[in-house]
Amino acid sequence: LGIYAVTLMGNVSIIVLIRSSPQLHTPMYL
């Protein structure tokens, strides 16, 4: 349950961070 919670928080955070940060709008981060 802890692993799943970390998985959701970590991956959703990565998606939100990339979408909201113009400097990460590159192919690698897409």
mmCIF file of all heavy atoms, coordinates in Angstrom:
data_MODEL
# 
_entry.id   MODEL 
# 
loop_
_atom_site.group_PDB 
_atom_site.id 
_atom_site.type_symbol 
_atom_site.label_atom_id 
_atom_site.label_alt_id 
_atom_site.label_comp_id 
_atom_site.label_asym_id 
_atom_site.label_entity_id 
_atom_site.label_seq_id 
_atom_site.pdbx_PDB_ins_code 
_atom_site.Cartn_x 
_atom_site.Cartn_y 
_atom_site.Cartn_z 
_atom_site.occupancy 
_atom_site.B_iso_or_equiv 
_atom_site.pdbx_formal_charge 
_atom_site.auth_seq_id 
_atom_site.auth_comp_id 
_atom_site.auth_asym_id 
_atom_site.auth_atom_id 
_atom_site.pdbx_PDB_model_num 
ATOM 1   N N   . LEU A 1 1  ? 0.848  -1.194 0.000   1.00 0.00 ? 1  LEU A N   1 
ATOM 2   C CA  . LEU A 1 1  ? 0.000  0.000  0.000   1.00 0.00 ? 1  LEU A CA  1 
ATOM 3   C C   . LEU A 1 1  ? 0.885  1.246  0.000   1.00 0.00 ? 1  LEU A C   1 
ATOM 4   O O   . LEU A 1 1  ? 0.613  2.217  -0.708  1.00 0.00 ? 1  LEU A O   1 
ATOM 5   C CB  . LEU A 1 1  ? -0.927 -0.008 1.222   1.00 0.00 ? 1  LEU A CB  1 
ATOM 6   C CG  . LEU A 1 1  ? -1.889 1.185  1.346   1.00 0.00 ? 1  LEU A CG  1 
ATOM 7   C CD1 . LEU A 1 1  ? -2.855 1.229  0.145   1.00 0.00 ? 1  LEU A CD1 1 
ATOM 8   C CD2 . LEU A 1 1  ? -2.663 1.111  2.656   1.00 0.00 ? 1  LEU A CD2 1 
ATOM 9   N N   . GLY A 1 2  ? 1.956  1.201  0.820   1.00 0.00 ? 2  GLY A N   1 
ATOM 10  C CA  . GLY A 1 2  ? 2.912  2.313  0.853   1.00 0.00 ? 2  GLY A CA  1 
ATOM 11  C C   . GLY A 1 2  ? 3.605  2.498  -0.487  1.00 0.00 ? 2  GLY A C   1 
ATOM 12  O O   . GLY A 1 2  ? 3.763  3.624  -0.975  1.00 0.00 ? 2  GLY A O   1 
ATOM 13  N N   . ILE A 1 3  ? 4.016  1.383  -1.110  1.00 0.00 ? 3  ILE A N   1 
ATOM 14  C CA  . ILE A 1 3  ? 4.676  1.441  -2.417  1.00 0.00 ? 3  ILE A CA  1 
ATOM 15  C C   . ILE A 1 3  ? 3.736  2.044  -3.458  1.00 0.00 ? 3  ILE A C   1 
ATOM 16  O O   . ILE A 1 3  ? 4.135  2.883  -4.274  1.00 0.00 ? 3  ILE A O   1 
ATOM 17  C CB  . ILE A 1 3  ? 5.137  0.037  -2.858  1.00 0.00 ? 3  ILE A CB  1 
ATOM 18  C CG1 . ILE A 1 3  ? 6.316  -0.423 -1.991  1.00 0.00 ? 3  ILE A CG1 1 
ATOM 19  C CG2 . ILE A 1 3  ? 5.528  0.020  -4.337  1.00 0.00 ? 3  ILE A CG2 1 
ATOM 20  C CD1 . ILE A 1 3  ? 6.768  -1.846 -2.271  1.00 0.00 ? 3  ILE A CD1 1 
ATOM 21  N N   . TYR A 1 4  ? 2.474  1.623  -3.433  1.00 0.00 ? 4  TYR A N   1 
ATOM 22  C CA  . TYR A 1 4  ? 1.500  2.122  -4.406  1.00 0.00 ? 4  TYR A CA  1 
ATOM 23  C C   . TYR A 1 4  ? 1.255  3.620  -4.215  1.00 0.00 ? 4  TYR A C   1 
ATOM 24  O O   . TYR A 1 4  ? 1.145  4.378  -5.194  1.00 0.00 ? 4  TYR A O   1 
ATOM 25  C CB  . TYR A 1 4  ? 0.192  1.341  -4.273  1.00 0.00 ? 4  TYR A CB  1 
ATOM 26  C CG  . TYR A 1 4  ? -0.833 1.657  -5.341  1.00 0.00 ? 4  TYR A CG  1 
ATOM 27  C CD1 . TYR A 1 4  ? -0.497 1.641  -6.692  1.00 0.00 ? 4  TYR A CD1 1 
ATOM 28  C CD2 . TYR A 1 4  ? -2.151 1.959  -4.988  1.00 0.00 ? 4  TYR A CD2 1 
ATOM 29  C CE1 . TYR A 1 4  ? -1.445 1.924  -7.667  1.00 0.00 ? 4  TYR A CE1 1 
ATOM 30  C CE2 . TYR A 1 4  ? -3.106 2.239  -5.960  1.00 0.00 ? 4  TYR A CE2 1 
ATOM 31  C CZ  . TYR A 1 4  ? -2.738 2.215  -7.292  1.00 0.00 ? 4  TYR A CZ  1 
ATOM 32  O OH  . TYR A 1 4  ? -3.667 2.499  -8.261  1.00 0.00 ? 4  TYR A OH  1 
ATOM 33  N N   . ALA A 1 5  ? 1.179  4.052  -2.956  1.00 0.00 ? 5  ALA A N   1 
ATOM 34  C CA  . ALA A 1 5  ? 0.979  5.477  -2.671  1.00 0.00 ? 5  ALA A CA  1 
ATOM 35  C C   . ALA A 1 5  ? 2.157  6.303  -3.187  1.00 0.00 ? 5  ALA A C   1 
ATOM 36  O O   . ALA A 1 5  ? 1.968  7.363  -3.804  1.00 0.00 ? 5  ALA A O   1 
ATOM 37  C CB  . ALA A 1 5  ? 0.797  5.690  -1.170  1.00 0.00 ? 5  ALA A CB  1 
ATOM 38  N N   . VAL A 1 6  ? 3.382  5.815  -2.945  1.00 0.00 ? 6  VAL A N   1 
ATOM 39  C CA  . VAL A 1 6  ? 4.582  6.504  -3.433  1.00 0.00 ? 6  VAL A CA  1 
ATOM 40  C C   . VAL A 1 6  ? 4.613  6.518  -4.963  1.00 0.00 ? 6  VAL A C   1 
ATOM 41  O O   . VAL A 1 6  ? 4.988  7.515  -5.590  1.00 0.00 ? 6  VAL A O   1 
ATOM 42  C CB  . VAL A 1 6  ? 5.857  5.831  -2.877  1.00 0.00 ? 6  VAL A CB  1 
ATOM 43  C CG1 . VAL A 1 6  ? 7.120  6.424  -3.518  1.00 0.00 ? 6  VAL A CG1 1 
ATOM 44  C CG2 . VAL A 1 6  ? 5.929  5.982  -1.358  1.00 0.00 ? 6  VAL A CG2 1 
ATOM 45  N N   . THR A 1 7  ? 4.191  5.406  -5.583  1.00 0.00 ? 7  THR A N   1 
ATOM 46  C CA  . THR A 1 7  ? 4.139  5.315  -7.049  1.00 0.00 ? 7  THR A CA  1 
ATOM 47  C C   . THR A 1 7  ? 3.222  6.378  -7.625  1.00 0.00 ? 7  THR A C   1 
ATOM 48  O O   . THR A 1 7  ? 3.584  7.090  -8.575  1.00 0.00 ? 7  THR A O   1 
ATOM 49  C CB  . THR A 1 7  ? 3.643  3.917  -7.489  1.00 0.00 ? 7  THR A CB  1 
ATOM 50  O OG1 . THR A 1 7  ? 4.544  2.924  -7.008  1.00 0.00 ? 7  THR A OG1 1 
ATOM 51  C CG2 . THR A 1 7  ? 3.552  3.829  -9.002  1.00 0.00 ? 7  THR A CG2 1 
ATOM 52  N N   . LEU A 1 8  ? 2.016  6.475  -7.064  1.00 0.00 ? 8  LEU A N   1 
ATOM 53  C CA  . LEU A 1 8  ? 1.052  7.461  -7.564  1.00 0.00 ? 8  LEU A CA  1 
ATOM 54  C C   . LEU A 1 8  ? 1.553  8.886  -7.350  1.00 0.00 ? 8  LEU A C   1 
ATOM 55  O O   . LEU A 1 8  ? 1.521  9.709  -8.274  1.00 0.00 ? 8  LEU A O   1 
ATOM 56  C CB  . LEU A 1 8  ? -0.300 7.270  -6.870  1.00 0.00 ? 8  LEU A CB  1 
ATOM 57  C CG  . LEU A 1 8  ? -1.052 5.976  -7.180  1.00 0.00 ? 8  LEU A CG  1 
ATOM 58  C CD1 . LEU A 1 8  ? -2.374 5.944  -6.414  1.00 0.00 ? 8  LEU A CD1 1 
ATOM 59  C CD2 . LEU A 1 8  ? -1.324 5.830  -8.672  1.00 0.00 ? 8  LEU A CD2 1 
ATOM 60  N N   . MET A 1 9  ? 2.034  9.177  -6.138  1.00 0.00 ? 9  MET A N   1 
ATOM 61  C CA  . MET A 1 9  ? 2.498  10.534 -5.831  1.00 0.00 ? 9  MET A CA  1 
ATOM 62  C C   . MET A 1 9  ? 3.711  10.906 -6.679  1.00 0.00 ? 9  MET A C   1 
ATOM 63  O O   . MET A 1 9  ? 3.783  12.008 -7.231  1.00 0.00 ? 9  MET A O   1 
ATOM 64  C CB  . MET A 1 9  ? 2.837  10.654 -4.339  1.00 0.00 ? 9  MET A CB  1 
ATOM 65  C CG  . MET A 1 9  ? 1.630  10.675 -3.430  1.00 0.00 ? 9  MET A CG  1 
ATOM 66  S SD  . MET A 1 9  ? 2.034  11.076 -1.714  1.00 0.00 ? 9  MET A SD  1 
ATOM 67  C CE  . MET A 1 9  ? 3.006  9.642  -1.243  1.00 0.00 ? 9  MET A CE  1 
ATOM 68  N N   . GLY A 1 10 ? 4.665  9.978  -6.807  1.00 0.00 ? 10 GLY A N   1 
ATOM 69  C CA  . GLY A 1 10 ? 5.886  10.252 -7.560  1.00 0.00 ? 10 GLY A CA  1 
ATOM 70  C C   . GLY A 1 10 ? 5.622  10.497 -9.029  1.00 0.00 ? 10 GLY A C   1 
ATOM 71  O O   . GLY A 1 10 ? 6.084  11.495 -9.609  1.00 0.00 ? 10 GLY A O   1 
ATOM 72  N N   . ASN A 1 11 ? 4.850  9.618  -9.656  1.00 0.00 ? 11 ASN A N   1 
ATOM 73  C CA  . ASN A 1 11 ? 4.612  9.736  -11.094 1.00 0.00 ? 11 ASN A CA  1 
ATOM 74  C C   . ASN A 1 11 ? 3.686  10.895 -11.433 1.00 0.00 ? 11 ASN A C   1 
ATOM 75  O O   . ASN A 1 11 ? 3.907  11.596 -12.427 1.00 0.00 ? 11 ASN A O   1 
ATOM 76  C CB  . ASN A 1 11 ? 4.051  8.421  -11.644 1.00 0.00 ? 11 ASN A CB  1 
ATOM 77  C CG  . ASN A 1 11 ? 5.113  7.352  -11.778 1.00 0.00 ? 11 ASN A CG  1 
ATOM 78  O OD1 . ASN A 1 11 ? 6.003  7.426  -12.611 1.00 0.00 ? 11 ASN A OD1 1 
ATOM 79  N ND2 . ASN A 1 11 ? 5.031  6.329  -10.926 1.00 0.00 ? 11 ASN A ND2 1 
ATOM 80  N N   . VAL A 1 12 ? 2.653  11.111 -10.621 1.00 0.00 ? 12 VAL A N   1 
ATOM 81  C CA  . VAL A 1 12 ? 1.769  12.254 -10.853 1.00 0.00 ? 12 VAL A CA  1 
ATOM 82  C C   . VAL A 1 12 ? 2.537  13.560 -10.661 1.00 0.00 ? 12 VAL A C   1 
ATOM 83  O O   . VAL A 1 12 ? 2.347  14.525 -11.421 1.00 0.00 ? 12 VAL A O   1 
ATOM 84  C CB  . VAL A 1 12 ? 0.537  12.197 -9.927  1.00 0.00 ? 12 VAL A CB  1 
ATOM 85  C CG1 . VAL A 1 12 ? -0.261 13.502 -10.003 1.00 0.00 ? 12 VAL A CG1 1 
ATOM 86  C CG2 . VAL A 1 12 ? -0.356 11.019 -10.297 1.00 0.00 ? 12 VAL A CG2 1 
ATOM 87  N N   . SER A 1 13 ? 3.431  13.592 -9.684  1.00 0.00 ? 13 SER A N   1 
ATOM 88  C CA  . SER A 1 13 ? 4.263  14.787 -9.455  1.00 0.00 ? 13 SER A CA  1 
ATOM 89  C C   . SER A 1 13 ? 5.152  15.072 -10.660 1.00 0.00 ? 13 SER A C   1 
ATOM 90  O O   . SER A 1 13 ? 5.320  16.231 -11.060 1.00 0.00 ? 13 SER A O   1 
ATOM 91  C CB  . SER A 1 13 ? 5.129  14.606 -8.206  1.00 0.00 ? 13 SER A CB  1 
ATOM 92  O OG  . SER A 1 13 ? 4.335  14.476 -7.052  1.00 0.00 ? 13 SER A OG  1 
ATOM 93  N N   . ILE A 1 14 ? 5.728  14.018 -11.244 1.00 0.00 ? 14 ILE A N   1 
ATOM 94  C CA  . ILE A 1 14 ? 6.575  14.181 -12.431 1.00 0.00 ? 14 ILE A CA  1 
ATOM 95  C C   . ILE A 1 14 ? 5.752  14.766 -13.584 1.00 0.00 ? 14 ILE A C   1 
ATOM 96  O O   . ILE A 1 14 ? 6.192  15.694 -14.280 1.00 0.00 ? 14 ILE A O   1 
ATOM 97  C CB  . ILE A 1 14 ? 7.181  12.824 -12.861 1.00 0.00 ? 14 ILE A CB  1 
ATOM 98  C CG1 . ILE A 1 14 ? 8.279  12.381 -11.884 1.00 0.00 ? 14 ILE A CG1 1 
ATOM 99  C CG2 . ILE A 1 14 ? 7.738  12.893 -14.284 1.00 0.00 ? 14 ILE A CG2 1 
ATOM 100 C CD1 . ILE A 1 14 ? 9.574  13.162 -11.985 1.00 0.00 ? 14 ILE A CD1 1 
ATOM 101 N N   . ILE A 1 15 ? 4.533  14.247 -13.785 1.00 0.00 ? 15 ILE A N   1 
ATOM 102 C CA  . ILE A 1 15 ? 3.662  14.731 -14.873 1.00 0.00 ? 15 ILE A CA  1 
ATOM 103 C C   . ILE A 1 15 ? 3.305  16.200 -14.659 1.00 0.00 ? 15 ILE A C   1 
ATOM 104 O O   . ILE A 1 15 ? 3.410  17.026 -15.581 1.00 0.00 ? 15 ILE A O   1 
ATOM 105 C CB  . ILE A 1 15 ? 2.385  13.874 -14.961 1.00 0.00 ? 15 ILE A CB  1 
ATOM 106 C CG1 . ILE A 1 15 ? 2.737  12.438 -15.390 1.00 0.00 ? 15 ILE A CG1 1 
ATOM 107 C CG2 . ILE A 1 15 ? 1.390  14.479 -15.946 1.00 0.00 ? 15 ILE A CG2 1 
ATOM 108 C CD1 . ILE A 1 15 ? 1.589  11.455 -15.271 1.00 0.00 ? 15 ILE A CD1 1 
ATOM 109 N N   . VAL A 1 16 ? 2.887  16.549 -13.434 1.00 0.00 ? 16 VAL A N   1 
ATOM 110 C CA  . VAL A 1 16 ? 2.511  17.932 -13.115 1.00 0.00 ? 16 VAL A CA  1 
ATOM 111 C C   . VAL A 1 16 ? 3.702  18.857 -13.269 1.00 0.00 ? 16 VAL A C   1 
ATOM 112 O O   . VAL A 1 16 ? 3.595  19.964 -13.837 1.00 0.00 ? 16 VAL A O   1 
ATOM 113 C CB  . VAL A 1 16 ? 1.941  18.013 -11.684 1.00 0.00 ? 16 VAL A CB  1 
ATOM 114 C CG1 . VAL A 1 16 ? 1.750  19.474 -11.262 1.00 0.00 ? 16 VAL A CG1 1 
ATOM 115 C CG2 . VAL A 1 16 ? 0.620  17.263 -11.587 1.00 0.00 ? 16 VAL A CG2 1 
ATOM 116 N N   . LEU A 1 17 ? 4.872  18.432 -12.779 1.00 0.00 ? 17 LEU A N   1 
ATOM 117 C CA  . LEU A 1 17 ? 6.084  19.250 -12.846 1.00 0.00 ? 17 LEU A CA  1 
ATOM 118 C C   . LEU A 1 17 ? 6.472  19.544 -14.291 1.00 0.00 ? 17 LEU A C   1 
ATOM 119 O O   . LEU A 1 17 ? 6.781  20.687 -14.644 1.00 0.00 ? 17 LEU A O   1 
ATOM 120 C CB  . LEU A 1 17 ? 7.235  18.536 -12.125 1.00 0.00 ? 17 LEU A CB  1 
ATOM 121 C CG  . LEU A 1 17 ? 8.575  19.270 -12.096 1.00 0.00 ? 17 LEU A CG  1 
ATOM 122 C CD1 . LEU A 1 17 ? 8.461  20.542 -11.258 1.00 0.00 ? 17 LEU A CD1 1 
ATOM 123 C CD2 . LEU A 1 17 ? 9.663  18.359 -11.518 1.00 0.00 ? 17 LEU A CD2 1 
ATOM 124 N N   . ILE A 1 18 ? 6.460  18.522 -15.132 1.00 0.00 ? 18 ILE A N   1 
ATOM 125 C CA  . ILE A 1 18 ? 6.859  18.703 -16.537 1.00 0.00 ? 18 ILE A CA  1 
ATOM 126 C C   . ILE A 1 18 ? 5.863  19.593 -17.277 1.00 0.00 ? 18 ILE A C   1 
ATOM 127 O O   . ILE A 1 18 ? 6.253  20.479 -18.048 1.00 0.00 ? 18 ILE A O   1 
ATOM 128 C CB  . ILE A 1 18 ? 6.991  17.326 -17.235 1.00 0.00 ? 18 ILE A CB  1 
ATOM 129 C CG1 . ILE A 1 18 ? 8.203  16.560 -16.655 1.00 0.00 ? 18 ILE A CG1 1 
ATOM 130 C CG2 . ILE A 1 18 ? 7.149  17.487 -18.742 1.00 0.00 ? 18 ILE A CG2 1 
ATOM 131 C CD1 . ILE A 1 18 ? 8.324  15.136 -17.134 1.00 0.00 ? 18 ILE A CD1 1 
ATOM 132 N N   . ARG A 1 19 ? 4.582  19.391 -17.034 1.00 0.00 ? 19 ARG A N   1 
ATOM 133 C CA  . ARG A 1 19 ? 3.560  20.181 -17.738 1.00 0.00 ? 19 ARG A CA  1 
ATOM 134 C C   . ARG A 1 19 ? 3.549  21.643 -17.296 1.00 0.00 ? 19 ARG A C   1 
ATOM 135 O O   . ARG A 1 19 ? 3.185  22.522 -18.077 1.00 0.00 ? 19 ARG A O   1 
ATOM 136 C CB  . ARG A 1 19 ? 2.177  19.562 -17.522 1.00 0.00 ? 19 ARG A CB  1 
ATOM 137 C CG  . ARG A 1 19 ? 1.980  18.240 -18.247 1.00 0.00 ? 19 ARG A CG  1 
ATOM 138 C CD  . ARG A 1 19 ? 0.589  17.682 -18.001 1.00 0.00 ? 19 ARG A CD  1 
ATOM 139 N NE  . ARG A 1 19 ? -0.436 18.535 -18.552 1.00 0.00 ? 19 ARG A NE  1 
ATOM 140 C CZ  . ARG A 1 19 ? -0.874 18.497 -19.814 1.00 0.00 ? 19 ARG A CZ  1 
ATOM 141 N NH1 . ARG A 1 19 ? -0.344 17.626 -20.658 1.00 0.00 ? 19 ARG A NH1 1 
ATOM 142 N NH2 . ARG A 1 19 ? -1.826 19.307 -20.231 1.00 0.00 ? 19 ARG A NH2 1 
ATOM 143 N N   . SER A 1 20 ? 3.958  21.906 -16.048 1.00 0.00 ? 20 SER A N   1 
ATOM 144 C CA  . SER A 1 20 ? 3.898  23.279 -15.525 1.00 0.00 ? 20 SER A CA  1 
ATOM 145 C C   . SER A 1 20 ? 5.230  24.014 -15.586 1.00 0.00 ? 20 SER A C   1 
ATOM 146 O O   . SER A 1 20 ? 5.302  25.174 -15.190 1.00 0.00 ? 20 SER A O   1 
ATOM 147 C CB  . SER A 1 20 ? 3.408  23.251 -14.073 1.00 0.00 ? 20 SER A CB  1 
ATOM 148 O OG  . SER A 1 20 ? 4.288  22.484 -13.264 1.00 0.00 ? 20 SER A OG  1 
ATOM 149 N N   . SER A 1 21 ? 6.284  23.350 -16.111 1.00 0.00 ? 21 SER A N   1 
ATOM 150 C CA  . SER A 1 21 ? 7.609  23.971 -16.168 1.00 0.00 ? 21 SER A CA  1 
ATOM 151 C C   . SER A 1 21 ? 8.051  24.127 -17.627 1.00 0.00 ? 21 SER A C   1 
ATOM 152 O O   . SER A 1 21 ? 8.399  23.137 -18.272 1.00 0.00 ? 21 SER A O   1 
ATOM 153 C CB  . SER A 1 21 ? 8.638  23.124 -15.404 1.00 0.00 ? 21 SER A CB  1 
ATOM 154 O OG  . SER A 1 21 ? 8.237  22.929 -14.063 1.00 0.00 ? 21 SER A OG  1 
ATOM 155 N N   . PRO A 1 22 ? 8.036  25.348 -18.168 1.00 0.00 ? 22 PRO A N   1 
ATOM 156 C CA  . PRO A 1 22 ? 8.410  25.565 -19.571 1.00 0.00 ? 22 PRO A CA  1 
ATOM 157 C C   . PRO A 1 22 ? 9.806  25.054 -19.924 1.00 0.00 ? 22 PRO A C   1 
ATOM 158 O O   . PRO A 1 22 ? 10.041 24.604 -21.043 1.00 0.00 ? 22 PRO A O   1 
ATOM 159 C CB  . PRO A 1 22 ? 8.336  27.097 -19.716 1.00 0.00 ? 22 PRO A CB  1 
ATOM 160 C CG  . PRO A 1 22 ? 7.380  27.528 -18.649 1.00 0.00 ? 22 PRO A CG  1 
ATOM 161 C CD  . PRO A 1 22 ? 7.619  26.588 -17.500 1.00 0.00 ? 22 PRO A CD  1 
ATOM 162 N N   . GLN A 1 23 ? 10.746 25.124 -18.960 1.00 0.00 ? 23 GLN A N   1 
ATOM 163 C CA  . GLN A 1 23 ? 12.118 24.683 -19.246 1.00 0.00 ? 23 GLN A CA  1 
ATOM 164 C C   . GLN A 1 23 ? 12.211 23.169 -19.448 1.00 0.00 ? 23 GLN A C   1 
ATOM 165 O O   . GLN A 1 23 ? 13.221 22.671 -19.941 1.00 0.00 ? 23 GLN A O   1 
ATOM 166 C CB  . GLN A 1 23 ? 13.079 25.119 -18.130 1.00 0.00 ? 23 GLN A CB  1 
ATOM 167 C CG  . GLN A 1 23 ? 12.875 24.449 -16.787 1.00 0.00 ? 23 GLN A CG  1 
ATOM 168 C CD  . GLN A 1 23 ? 11.946 25.238 -15.875 1.00 0.00 ? 23 GLN A CD  1 
ATOM 169 O OE1 . GLN A 1 23 ? 10.979 25.850 -16.340 1.00 0.00 ? 23 GLN A OE1 1 
ATOM 170 N NE2 . GLN A 1 23 ? 12.242 25.243 -14.587 1.00 0.00 ? 23 GLN A NE2 1 
ATOM 171 N N   . LEU A 1 24 ? 11.146 22.440 -19.078 1.00 0.00 ? 24 LEU A N   1 
ATOM 172 C CA  . LEU A 1 24 ? 11.138 20.987 -19.256 1.00 0.00 ? 24 LEU A CA  1 
ATOM 173 C C   . LEU A 1 24 ? 10.309 20.561 -20.475 1.00 0.00 ? 24 LEU A C   1 
ATOM 174 O O   . LEU A 1 24 ? 10.067 19.376 -20.662 1.00 0.00 ? 24 LEU A O   1 
ATOM 175 C CB  . LEU A 1 24 ? 10.591 20.289 -17.997 1.00 0.00 ? 24 LEU A CB  1 
ATOM 176 C CG  . LEU A 1 24 ? 11.374 20.484 -16.701 1.00 0.00 ? 24 LEU A CG  1 
ATOM 177 C CD1 . LEU A 1 24 ? 10.736 19.681 -15.574 1.00 0.00 ? 24 LEU A CD1 1 
ATOM 178 C CD2 . LEU A 1 24 ? 12.839 20.095 -16.868 1.00 0.00 ? 24 LEU A CD2 1 
ATOM 179 N N   . HIS A 1 25 ? 9.904  21.528 -21.290 1.00 0.00 ? 25 HIS A N   1 
ATOM 180 C CA  . HIS A 1 25 ? 9.123  21.200 -22.487 1.00 0.00 ? 25 HIS A CA  1 
ATOM 181 C C   . HIS A 1 25 ? 10.073 20.840 -23.630 1.00 0.00 ? 25 HIS A C   1 
ATOM 182 O O   . HIS A 1 25 ? 10.190 21.552 -24.627 1.00 0.00 ? 25 HIS A O   1 
ATOM 183 C CB  . HIS A 1 25 ? 8.209  22.368 -22.864 1.00 0.00 ? 25 HIS A CB  1 
ATOM 184 C CG  . HIS A 1 25 ? 7.105  22.584 -21.886 1.00 0.00 ? 25 HIS A CG  1 
ATOM 185 N ND1 . HIS A 1 25 ? 6.192  23.612 -21.979 1.00 0.00 ? 25 HIS A ND1 1 
ATOM 186 C CD2 . HIS A 1 25 ? 6.751  21.886 -20.772 1.00 0.00 ? 25 HIS A CD2 1 
ATOM 187 C CE1 . HIS A 1 25 ? 5.328  23.542 -20.973 1.00 0.00 ? 25 HIS A CE1 1 
ATOM 188 N NE2 . HIS A 1 25 ? 5.659  22.506 -20.222 1.00 0.00 ? 25 HIS A NE2 1 
ATOM 189 N N   . THR A 1 26 ? 10.770 19.730 -23.454 1.00 0.00 ? 26 THR A N   1 
ATOM 190 C CA  . THR A 1 26 ? 11.720 19.208 -24.434 1.00 0.00 ? 26 THR A CA  1 
ATOM 191 C C   . THR A 1 26 ? 11.353 17.752 -24.739 1.00 0.00 ? 26 THR A C   1 
ATOM 192 O O   . THR A 1 26 ? 10.598 17.134 -23.977 1.00 0.00 ? 26 THR A O   1 
ATOM 193 C CB  . THR A 1 26 ? 13.157 19.277 -23.898 1.00 0.00 ? 26 THR A CB  1 
ATOM 194 O OG1 . THR A 1 26 ? 13.260 18.447 -22.734 1.00 0.00 ? 26 THR A OG1 1 
ATOM 195 C CG2 . THR A 1 26 ? 13.548 20.713 -23.535 1.00 0.00 ? 26 THR A CG2 1 
ATOM 196 N N   . PRO A 1 27 ? 11.876 17.197 -25.833 1.00 0.00 ? 27 PRO A N   1 
ATOM 197 C CA  . PRO A 1 27 ? 11.544 15.808 -26.180 1.00 0.00 ? 27 PRO A CA  1 
ATOM 198 C C   . PRO A 1 27 ? 11.803 14.805 -25.058 1.00 0.00 ? 27 PRO A C   1 
ATOM 199 O O   . PRO A 1 27 ? 10.971 13.928 -24.802 1.00 0.00 ? 27 PRO A O   1 
ATOM 200 C CB  . PRO A 1 27 ? 12.440 15.537 -27.395 1.00 0.00 ? 27 PRO A CB  1 
ATOM 201 C CG  . PRO A 1 27 ? 12.585 16.870 -28.044 1.00 0.00 ? 27 PRO A CG  1 
ATOM 202 C CD  . PRO A 1 27 ? 12.659 17.846 -26.917 1.00 0.00 ? 27 PRO A CD  1 
ATOM 203 N N   . MET A 1 28 ? 12.949 14.939 -24.390 1.00 0.00 ? 28 MET A N   1 
ATOM 204 C CA  . MET A 1 28 ? 13.284 13.981 -23.344 1.00 0.00 ? 28 MET A CA  1 
ATOM 205 C C   . MET A 1 28 ? 12.229 13.961 -22.246 1.00 0.00 ? 28 MET A C   1 
ATOM 206 O O   . MET A 1 28 ? 11.811 12.896 -21.771 1.00 0.00 ? 28 MET A O   1 
ATOM 207 C CB  . MET A 1 28 ? 14.654 14.301 -22.736 1.00 0.00 ? 28 MET A CB  1 
ATOM 208 C CG  . MET A 1 28 ? 15.084 13.314 -21.657 1.00 0.00 ? 28 MET A CG  1 
ATOM 209 S SD  . MET A 1 28 ? 16.764 13.590 -21.054 1.00 0.00 ? 28 MET A SD  1 
ATOM 210 C CE  . MET A 1 28 ? 16.532 15.031 -20.023 1.00 0.00 ? 28 MET A CE  1 
ATOM 211 N N   . TYR A 1 29 ? 11.760 15.138 -21.852 1.00 0.00 ? 29 TYR A N   1 
ATOM 212 C CA  . TYR A 1 29 ? 10.785 15.210 -20.766 1.00 0.00 ? 29 TYR A CA  1 
ATOM 213 C C   . TYR A 1 29 ? 9.366  14.906 -21.248 1.00 0.00 ? 29 TYR A C   1 
ATOM 214 O O   . TYR A 1 29 ? 8.515  14.511 -20.447 1.00 0.00 ? 29 TYR A O   1 
ATOM 215 C CB  . TYR A 1 29 ? 10.874 16.574 -20.079 1.00 0.00 ? 29 TYR A CB  1 
ATOM 216 C CG  . TYR A 1 29 ? 12.184 16.724 -19.345 1.00 0.00 ? 29 TYR A CG  1 
ATOM 217 C CD1 . TYR A 1 29 ? 13.181 17.558 -19.825 1.00 0.00 ? 29 TYR A CD1 1 
ATOM 218 C CD2 . TYR A 1 29 ? 12.451 15.969 -18.205 1.00 0.00 ? 29 TYR A CD2 1 
ATOM 219 C CE1 . TYR A 1 29 ? 14.401 17.668 -19.179 1.00 0.00 ? 29 TYR A CE1 1 
ATOM 220 C CE2 . TYR A 1 29 ? 13.672 16.072 -17.549 1.00 0.00 ? 29 TYR A CE2 1 
ATOM 221 C CZ  . TYR A 1 29 ? 14.641 16.914 -18.037 1.00 0.00 ? 29 TYR A CZ  1 
ATOM 222 O OH  . TYR A 1 29 ? 15.852 16.999 -17.397 1.00 0.00 ? 29 TYR A OH  1 
ATOM 223 N N   . LEU A 1 30 ? 9.123  15.069 -22.550 1.00 0.00 ? 30 LEU A N   1 
ATOM 224 C CA  . LEU A 1 30 ? 7.843  14.602 -23.099 1.00 0.00 ? 30 LEU A CA  1 
ATOM 225 C C   . LEU A 1 30 ? 7.755  13.086 -22.945 1.00 0.00 ? 30 LEU A C   1 
ATOM 226 O O   . LEU A 1 30 ? 6.735  12.552 -22.488 1.00 0.00 ? 30 LEU A O   1 
ATOM 227 C CB  . LEU A 1 30 ? 7.733  14.985 -24.577 1.00 0.00 ? 30 LEU A CB  1 
ATOM 228 C CG  . LEU A 1 30 ? 6.538  14.363 -25.329 1.00 0.00 ? 30 LEU A CG  1 
ATOM 229 C CD1 . LEU A 1 30 ? 5.217  14.944 -24.830 1.00 0.00 ? 30 LEU A CD1 1 
ATOM 230 C CD2 . LEU A 1 30 ? 6.681  14.576 -26.836 1.00 0.00 ? 30 LEU A CD2 1 
# 
